[in-house]
Amino acid sequence: MRACVVLLCTLLSCGVPHKQIEHQANTIPPKESVPTQDERVIRTRVIVETATFTTGEHTVMMYGASAVNIEQEISNCEEVFEDLGIKFDIVEISFRTYNPQLQLCFLDASRYKDTLSVYYILPHNFPFSGLSSAPWEELSHGIIMSGSRDEWTLAHEFGHYLGLLHTFDPSKKEGDFCEDTPEQIMKKTEICRIEGQTTNCGNIMNYCTHCPKFLTDCQKKRANRFLQDFRTSHIICDRNRVKQQLEVLYNVILELSIMRYEPPTTQSISQPSQTLQPSI
């Protein structure tokens, strides 16, 4: 049985948070429930790290991820955040050469503030499987996926990207500000949810193996709030907004058609003097 991959996903601290940001990490979501959202498509860049190794007469190109891996991880992320209507549209796929300086990823991501940038890096012997910026940080854009990730790491890091915290809190001070995640001091690595027992096992913001992945209602509300407050520019397709825009466009076209309509005259409907030949 595969051992639980320990994910060191401590939020990246790159400086003093902006004073202008009103909702910090301790934001407590409103108590009203968040209804299931219509589809919201997130503009996404995928950057894959590459390196070339030569052994004797053979040259091998290594990639931080394969297309199959990326597709599966994105699908899993959409599954976890289904109630928020999250879908991902990859608008760019590019490659970067091997570079162990992780901050360069976050600096690059900060140039695309309206886009989620996901970096698949080669194994660097870093003690984490994923690393995400948070909405309240100075460098608040970008997710890094390392070679030791599993198929659920992207969903976990995307949770951080939307302001979610771990369900465990070794400091015993703040927790994750969600009242429906049981108090938990140390990270858990249970194999599966224990029937009838209140546990965070399986919660995407915990560390578990082979568990059904889920978010609590409070986590959904918190993520939805941070999405609306700080990541709205990432959304390129809001079905409600698109529907409204199409209705407006339809009405404009209809109005223009009525204004330009002229009843046909006898002359305009008479037979043409020449027979038009189809063009080839």
Protein backbone atom coordinates (compact mmCIF):
# COMPACT_ATOMS: atom_id res chain seq x y z
CA MET A 1 0.00 0.00 0.00
CA ARG A 2 1.37 3.33 -1.03
CA ALA A 3 2.59 5.45 1.86
CA CYS A 4 1.12 8.85 2.33
CA VAL A 5 3.11 11.52 0.52
CA VAL A 6 3.97 14.13 3.07
CA LEU A 7 3.15 17.52 1.61
CA LEU A 8 4.98 20.47 3.03
CA CYS A 9 2.62 23.14 1.81
CA THR A 10 3.40 25.92 4.27
CA LEU A 11 2.22 29.13 2.71
CA LEU A 12 5.05 31.02 1.10
CA SER A 13 6.05 34.11 3.07
CA CYS A 14 7.61 36.60 0.69
CA GLY A 15 7.23 39.78 2.66
CA VAL A 16 4.77 41.84 4.65
CA PRO A 17 1.18 41.40 3.41
CA HIS A 18 -0.41 44.38 1.71
CA LYS A 19 -2.04 46.69 4.24
CA GLN A 20 -4.77 47.36 1.68
CA ILE A 21 -5.98 43.76 1.84
CA GLU A 22 -9.05 43.73 4.02
CA HIS A 23 -9.62 39.99 4.39
CA GLN A 24 -6.52 38.29 5.78
CA ALA A 25 -5.87 34.65 6.56
CA ASN A 26 -8.18 34.82 9.59
CA THR A 27 -11.24 35.60 7.49
CA ILE A 28 -14.25 33.74 8.88
CA PRO A 29 -16.84 33.03 6.17
CA PRO A 30 -20.46 34.13 6.62
CA LYS A 31 -22.81 31.58 8.10
CA GLU A 32 -25.21 31.53 5.15
CA SER A 33 -24.60 28.64 2.82
CA VAL A 34 -23.02 29.01 -0.58
CA PRO A 35 -25.28 27.58 -3.30
CA THR A 36 -23.78 25.44 -6.01
CA GLN A 37 -22.23 27.84 -8.51
CA ASP A 38 -22.59 27.88 -12.26
CA GLU A 39 -19.50 27.02 -14.23
CA ARG A 40 -16.60 29.44 -13.70
CA VAL A 41 -13.62 28.84 -15.94
CA ILE A 42 -10.21 29.78 -14.59
CA ARG A 43 -7.66 31.14 -17.05
CA THR A 44 -4.60 28.92 -16.54
CA ARG A 45 -0.98 28.83 -17.65
CA VAL A 46 1.01 25.61 -17.36
CA ILE A 47 4.79 25.85 -17.27
CA VAL A 48 6.76 22.59 -17.42
CA GLU A 49 10.39 22.48 -16.36
CA THR A 50 12.77 20.57 -18.62
CA ALA A 51 16.37 19.36 -18.49
CA THR A 52 18.65 17.49 -20.86
CA PHE A 53 21.01 14.79 -19.64
CA THR A 54 23.68 13.09 -21.71
CA THR A 55 24.91 9.63 -20.81
CA GLY A 56 27.53 8.29 -23.19
CA GLU A 57 25.98 8.38 -26.63
CA HIS A 58 22.43 8.89 -25.35
CA THR A 59 20.71 12.20 -24.67
CA VAL A 60 17.61 12.15 -22.50
CA MET A 61 15.09 14.98 -22.13
CA MET A 62 13.26 15.07 -18.79
CA TYR A 63 9.99 16.88 -18.14
CA GLY A 64 8.39 18.01 -14.90
CA ALA A 65 5.09 16.42 -15.92
CA SER A 66 3.43 14.60 -18.78
CA ALA A 67 0.24 15.68 -20.53
CA VAL A 68 -1.56 12.70 -19.00
CA ASN A 69 -0.46 13.68 -15.47
CA ILE A 70 -1.54 17.29 -15.92
CA GLU A 71 -4.92 16.31 -17.35
CA GLN A 72 -5.62 13.91 -14.45
CA GLU A 73 -4.56 16.39 -11.77
CA ILE A 74 -6.70 19.16 -13.25
CA SER A 75 -9.65 16.78 -13.48
CA ASN A 76 -9.24 15.85 -9.80
CA CYS A 77 -9.06 19.51 -8.84
CA GLU A 78 -12.29 20.23 -10.73
CA GLU A 79 -13.91 17.31 -8.92
CA VAL A 80 -13.01 18.66 -5.47
CA PHE A 81 -14.18 22.20 -6.29
CA GLU A 82 -17.20 21.11 -8.30
CA ASP A 83 -19.67 22.95 -6.02
CA LEU A 84 -17.85 26.21 -6.76
CA GLY A 85 -18.24 25.58 -10.49
CA ILE A 86 -14.48 25.52 -11.02
CA LYS A 87 -13.18 24.54 -14.45
CA PHE A 88 -9.75 25.24 -15.91
CA ASP A 89 -8.97 26.52 -19.38
CA ILE A 90 -5.29 26.14 -20.26
CA VAL A 91 -4.54 29.18 -22.40
CA GLU A 92 -0.77 28.63 -22.50
CA ILE A 93 1.66 25.74 -22.19
CA SER A 94 5.33 26.65 -22.09
CA PHE A 95 8.64 25.20 -20.95
CA ARG A 96 11.40 26.49 -18.70
CA THR A 97 14.89 25.15 -18.20
CA TYR A 98 15.92 23.62 -14.90
CA ASN A 99 16.35 26.26 -12.19
CA PRO A 100 16.32 25.56 -8.42
CA GLN A 101 15.35 29.13 -7.49
CA LEU A 102 11.67 28.77 -6.71
CA GLN A 103 11.07 32.45 -6.17
CA LEU A 104 11.59 32.98 -9.90
CA CYS A 105 8.36 31.06 -10.46
CA PHE A 106 6.38 33.37 -8.20
CA LEU A 107 8.01 36.43 -9.73
CA ASP A 108 7.03 35.18 -13.19
CA ALA A 109 3.49 34.44 -12.02
CA SER A 110 3.15 37.98 -10.68
CA ARG A 111 3.41 39.22 -14.28
CA TYR A 112 0.14 37.43 -15.06
CA LYS A 113 -2.17 38.66 -12.31
CA ASP A 114 -5.31 37.66 -14.21
CA THR A 115 -4.12 34.07 -14.66
CA LEU A 116 -3.43 31.02 -12.52
CA SER A 117 0.17 29.96 -13.24
CA VAL A 118 1.07 26.35 -12.40
CA TYR A 119 4.73 25.32 -12.53
CA TYR A 120 5.63 21.63 -12.83
CA ILE A 121 9.24 21.42 -11.75
CA LEU A 122 11.70 18.55 -11.88
CA PRO A 123 12.75 16.83 -8.64
CA HIS A 124 15.02 19.22 -6.71
CA ASN A 125 15.23 17.34 -3.40
CA PHE A 126 12.91 19.97 -1.92
CA PRO A 127 10.96 18.80 1.15
CA PHE A 128 7.52 19.44 -0.36
CA SER A 129 5.20 18.10 -3.02
CA GLY A 130 3.48 21.38 -3.71
CA LEU A 131 3.76 25.04 -2.80
CA SER A 132 1.19 27.76 -3.29
CA SER A 133 1.02 31.49 -2.82
CA ALA A 134 -1.91 32.87 -0.81
CA PRO A 135 -4.20 35.80 -1.66
CA TRP A 136 -2.88 37.95 1.21
CA GLU A 137 0.81 37.62 0.35
CA GLU A 138 2.94 40.15 -1.48
CA LEU A 139 3.73 37.62 -4.20
CA SER A 140 0.20 36.30 -4.33
CA HIS A 141 0.21 34.37 -7.59
CA GLY A 142 1.48 30.97 -8.65
CA ILE A 143 1.45 27.29 -7.69
CA ILE A 144 4.53 25.05 -7.81
CA MET A 145 4.20 21.29 -8.25
CA SER A 146 7.26 19.17 -7.53
CA GLY A 147 8.23 15.73 -8.70
CA SER A 148 7.06 14.09 -5.45
CA ARG A 149 3.44 15.23 -5.84
CA ASP A 150 0.52 12.85 -6.14
CA GLU A 151 -2.68 13.14 -8.17
CA TRP A 152 -4.42 15.26 -5.49
CA THR A 153 -1.63 17.75 -4.74
CA LEU A 154 -2.88 20.33 -7.24
CA ALA A 155 -6.32 20.35 -5.62
CA HIS A 156 -4.69 20.82 -2.20
CA GLU A 157 -2.54 23.70 -3.44
CA PHE A 158 -5.44 25.30 -5.28
CA GLY A 159 -7.23 25.29 -1.93
CA HIS A 160 -4.36 27.35 -0.51
CA TYR A 161 -4.55 29.57 -3.59
CA LEU A 162 -8.18 30.31 -2.64
CA GLY A 163 -7.30 31.06 0.96
CA LEU A 164 -7.88 27.66 2.58
CA LEU A 165 -5.59 26.56 5.42
CA HIS A 166 -4.59 23.15 6.70
CA THR A 167 -7.10 21.40 8.91
CA PHE A 168 -4.30 20.86 11.45
CA ASP A 169 -2.57 23.55 13.48
CA PRO A 170 0.55 22.51 15.43
CA SER A 171 0.68 25.97 17.06
CA LYS A 172 -2.77 25.42 18.67
CA LYS A 173 -3.46 29.11 18.08
CA GLU A 174 -5.69 29.78 15.12
CA GLY A 175 -6.68 26.63 13.25
CA ASP A 176 -8.24 27.01 9.81
CA PHE A 177 -11.11 29.35 10.79
CA CYS A 178 -13.69 26.77 9.77
CA GLU A 179 -15.97 25.54 12.52
CA ASP A 180 -16.99 22.37 10.69
CA THR A 181 -13.45 20.94 10.50
CA PRO A 182 -12.71 19.14 13.80
CA GLU A 183 -9.90 20.56 15.91
CA GLN A 184 -6.67 18.88 14.92
CA ILE A 185 -3.19 19.61 16.21
CA MET A 186 -0.95 17.39 14.12
CA LYS A 187 -1.33 16.35 10.50
CA LYS A 188 -3.11 13.08 9.90
CA THR A 189 -2.18 10.35 7.47
CA GLU A 190 -4.98 7.84 7.98
CA ILE A 191 -5.57 5.42 5.16
CA CYS A 192 -9.32 6.05 5.04
CA ARG A 193 -12.21 7.69 6.85
CA ILE A 194 -13.24 5.86 10.02
CA GLU A 195 -16.95 5.11 9.80
CA GLY A 196 -19.00 7.06 12.32
CA GLN A 197 -16.03 9.00 13.68
CA THR A 198 -15.62 12.76 13.36
CA THR A 199 -12.38 13.17 11.48
CA ASN A 200 -10.69 15.34 8.85
CA CYS A 201 -9.38 12.30 7.03
CA GLY A 202 -10.19 12.78 3.37
CA ASN A 203 -10.40 16.54 3.66
CA ILE A 204 -8.36 17.92 0.77
CA MET A 205 -6.62 20.35 3.14
CA ASN A 206 -5.39 17.49 5.34
CA TYR A 207 -2.75 14.88 4.45
CA CYS A 208 -4.39 11.54 3.71
CA THR A 209 -3.89 8.62 1.38
CA HIS A 210 -6.61 6.82 -0.59
CA CYS A 211 -9.40 8.82 1.02
CA PRO A 212 -12.45 10.26 -0.74
CA LYS A 213 -11.49 13.91 -1.13
CA PHE A 214 -13.92 16.59 -0.02
CA LEU A 215 -14.40 20.13 1.29
CA THR A 216 -16.68 21.14 4.13
CA ASP A 217 -19.41 23.75 3.70
CA CYS A 218 -17.35 26.31 5.58
CA GLN A 219 -14.31 25.66 3.40
CA LYS A 220 -16.43 26.11 0.29
CA LYS A 221 -17.73 29.43 1.60
CA ARG A 222 -14.24 30.62 2.50
CA ALA A 223 -12.81 29.61 -0.89
CA ASN A 224 -15.73 31.24 -2.68
CA ARG A 225 -15.17 34.49 -0.81
CA PHE A 226 -11.47 34.65 -1.63
CA LEU A 227 -12.25 33.74 -5.24
CA GLN A 228 -14.68 36.65 -5.48
CA ASP A 229 -12.47 39.10 -3.59
CA PHE A 230 -9.04 38.33 -5.04
CA ARG A 231 -9.22 35.94 -8.01
CA THR A 232 -12.16 37.30 -10.00
CA SER A 233 -9.84 38.40 -12.81
CA HIS A 234 -8.94 34.74 -13.34
CA ILE A 235 -12.50 33.90 -14.41
CA ILE A 236 -12.93 33.95 -18.17
CA CYS A 237 -16.31 32.29 -18.35
CA ASP A 238 -19.13 32.97 -15.93
CA ARG A 239 -22.17 31.29 -17.42
CA ASN A 240 -24.61 33.75 -15.79
CA ARG A 241 -22.65 36.75 -17.06
CA VAL A 242 -22.22 35.23 -20.52
CA LYS A 243 -25.95 34.51 -20.70
CA GLN A 244 -26.76 38.10 -19.78
CA GLN A 245 -24.28 39.42 -22.34
CA LEU A 246 -25.76 37.20 -25.04
CA GLU A 247 -29.26 38.41 -24.20
CA VAL A 248 -28.12 42.03 -24.49
CA LEU A 249 -26.36 41.28 -27.78
CA TYR A 250 -29.45 39.50 -29.10
CA ASN A 251 -31.68 42.46 -28.24
CA VAL A 252 -29.26 44.89 -29.90
CA ILE A 253 -29.13 42.78 -33.08
CA LEU A 254 -32.91 42.42 -33.06
CA GLU A 255 -33.35 46.19 -32.69
CA LEU A 256 -30.91 46.92 -35.49
CA SER A 257 -32.65 44.38 -37.73
CA ILE A 258 -36.02 46.05 -37.15
CA MET A 259 -34.55 49.50 -37.83
CA ARG A 260 -32.96 48.37 -41.08
CA TYR A 261 -35.90 46.34 -42.35
CA GLU A 262 -37.59 47.68 -45.49
CA PRO A 263 -40.63 46.00 -47.09
CA PRO A 264 -39.76 44.56 -50.50
CA THR A 265 -40.97 46.44 -53.59
CA THR A 266 -42.12 45.01 -56.89
CA GLN A 267 -38.83 45.99 -58.44
CA SER A 268 -36.75 44.40 -55.73
CA ILE A 269 -38.48 41.02 -56.11
CA SER A 270 -38.57 40.93 -59.89
CA GLN A 271 -36.54 38.31 -61.70
CA PRO A 272 -32.94 39.30 -62.38
CA SER A 273 -31.98 40.00 -65.95
CA GLN A 274 -29.00 37.68 -65.82
CA THR A 275 -28.63 34.17 -64.45
CA LEU A 276 -25.89 34.02 -61.86
CA GLN A 277 -23.49 31.14 -62.25
CA PRO A 278 -22.19 29.43 -59.09
CA SER A 279 -18.57 30.22 -58.34
CA ILE A 280 -16.09 27.37 -58.30
